[in-house]
Protein backbone atom coordinates (compact mmCIF):
# COMPACT_ATOMS: atom_id res chain seq x y z
CA MET A 1 86.17 128.92 118.96
CA LEU A 2 88.92 126.80 116.88
CA LYS A 3 88.96 126.92 113.23
CA ARG A 4 91.22 125.67 110.79
CA TYR A 5 91.07 127.20 107.08
CA LEU A 6 92.55 124.31 104.07
CA VAL A 7 93.21 126.67 100.83
CA VAL A 8 93.40 124.19 98.04
CA THR A 9 95.35 125.45 94.94
CA ARG A 10 95.74 124.12 91.54
CA GLN A 11 99.83 124.40 89.74
CA ASN A 12 100.63 124.01 86.50
CA ARG A 13 102.88 122.42 85.52
CA GLY A 14 103.96 122.34 81.48
CA HIS A 15 101.31 119.78 80.22
CA PHE A 16 100.49 118.38 84.01
CA ASN A 17 98.66 119.73 86.57
CA GLU A 18 99.70 119.80 90.87
CA ASP A 19 96.66 120.30 93.63
CA GLN A 20 98.09 121.53 97.17
CA VAL A 21 96.01 121.37 99.73
CA HIS A 22 97.52 124.51 102.47
CA MET A 23 96.23 124.51 106.20
CA TYR A 24 96.66 127.92 107.89
CA GLU A 25 94.95 129.11 111.59
CA ARG A 26 94.30 133.21 110.46
CA ASP A 27 91.24 134.16 107.93
CA THR A 28 93.98 136.73 107.44
CA GLU A 29 97.15 134.03 105.77
CA VAL A 30 93.96 133.42 103.71
CA LYS A 31 93.62 136.93 102.32
CA SER A 32 97.77 137.48 102.22
CA LEU A 33 97.58 133.98 99.51
CA ILE A 34 94.71 135.22 98.39
CA GLY A 35 96.33 138.46 97.53
CA ARG A 36 99.19 136.57 96.29
CA ILE A 37 97.14 134.33 93.32
CA ALA A 38 95.43 137.62 92.31
CA SER A 39 98.10 139.58 91.52
CA GLY A 40 100.46 137.05 90.16
CA ASP A 41 103.39 137.35 92.62
CA ARG A 42 105.45 134.77 91.97
CA ASP A 43 108.04 133.54 94.27
CA PHE A 44 111.91 132.79 92.54
CA LEU A 45 111.39 128.98 93.02
CA SER A 46 108.16 127.97 91.80
CA GLU A 47 107.52 130.12 88.61
CA ASP A 48 104.71 128.46 88.00
CA PRO A 49 101.33 129.84 87.42
CA GLU A 50 99.10 129.04 90.54
CA THR A 51 94.97 129.31 90.56
CA LEU A 52 92.41 129.00 93.47
CA LYS A 53 90.75 125.72 93.70
CA SER A 54 88.57 125.81 97.22
CA ILE A 55 88.60 127.04 100.48
CA HIS A 56 87.18 125.12 103.50
CA GLU A 57 86.14 126.35 107.36
CA VAL A 58 86.68 123.47 109.47
CA ASP A 59 85.10 123.92 112.34
CA LEU A 60 87.55 121.81 114.95
CA VAL A 61 84.67 121.99 118.35
CA TYR A 62 81.61 121.31 116.03
CA GLY A 63 83.27 118.94 113.53
CA LYS A 64 80.94 121.84 110.86
CA ILE A 65 83.05 122.68 107.61
CA LYS A 66 82.02 125.56 105.64
CA ARG A 67 83.12 126.09 101.91
CA LEU A 68 84.01 130.13 101.98
CA GLU A 69 84.72 132.05 98.04
CA PRO A 70 86.92 135.28 98.21
CA SER A 71 85.05 138.82 97.21
CA LEU A 72 86.62 142.05 97.07
CA GLU A 73 84.43 144.87 99.86
CA ASN A 74 85.92 148.39 99.61
CA MET A 75 89.17 147.34 98.56
CA LYS A 76 89.34 144.54 101.10
CA ILE A 77 89.36 141.29 100.61
CA VAL A 78 86.11 139.09 102.10
CA LEU A 79 85.56 135.21 103.09
CA LYS A 80 81.78 134.67 102.41
CA GLU A 81 80.16 131.46 102.55
CA CYS A 82 79.38 129.94 99.68
CA ASP A 83 75.57 129.31 98.38
CA LYS A 84 74.89 125.16 97.98
């Protein structure tokens, strides 16, 4: 099954907000990004705070999109499907 993860983040730049879409192939990359955002770890290039807006899992075989939300279970980040 081919899956891609689309993560939308919001970066606050003073009076302006900028949304960015990141595409990842593995859920471990998404979990790493969530952990970095939650811990407040900032790169030396971008000093602006970043917040998580939404996570979507796209199934490329069947053409289905699921909205996911991060949760913490047993001190590990887990991606669960959102209730509609």
